């Protein structure tokens, strides 16, 4: 018999912060993500191209940002317990060279469904004071 990795439904409260993390994105992070995903759009590694298309410079991949946010929920909720995850991309994350862009993720209980024993987790994902993901929500199955 395997032990459940689901978070316990008992004791969860709407508004409760269940996870927080800061993640540093560097140009090396973008190169590794490009290699893993196959997304070699030059706006993710070439400042000249990024500025030519109206961006402030090289930006992080949206799916990388989404994945970083999802990893915070998955770490709290346990592997395989996130049954739904949705976001809207609202702002790009410029990644300086040299340097890093810090992304902060806060996961807070947004709603609880006692019958289904699920928790909707609302995420605040920011770069500095700017929200980079809108309506970021995950549905987590609880024990």
Foldseek 3Di string as FASTA:
>chain_A
DDDDLFAALPPADAFAWQFKDKDWAALVNQVVVCVVPVPPDCLQPAQVVVVVVPHPGRFHDPVVLQVVQVVRVCVRGDPPFFPDKDKAFDDTFDHDVPDIFMKMKIWGFHDADPVQQKTKIFIQIDGVPDGGIPRIIIIGHHD
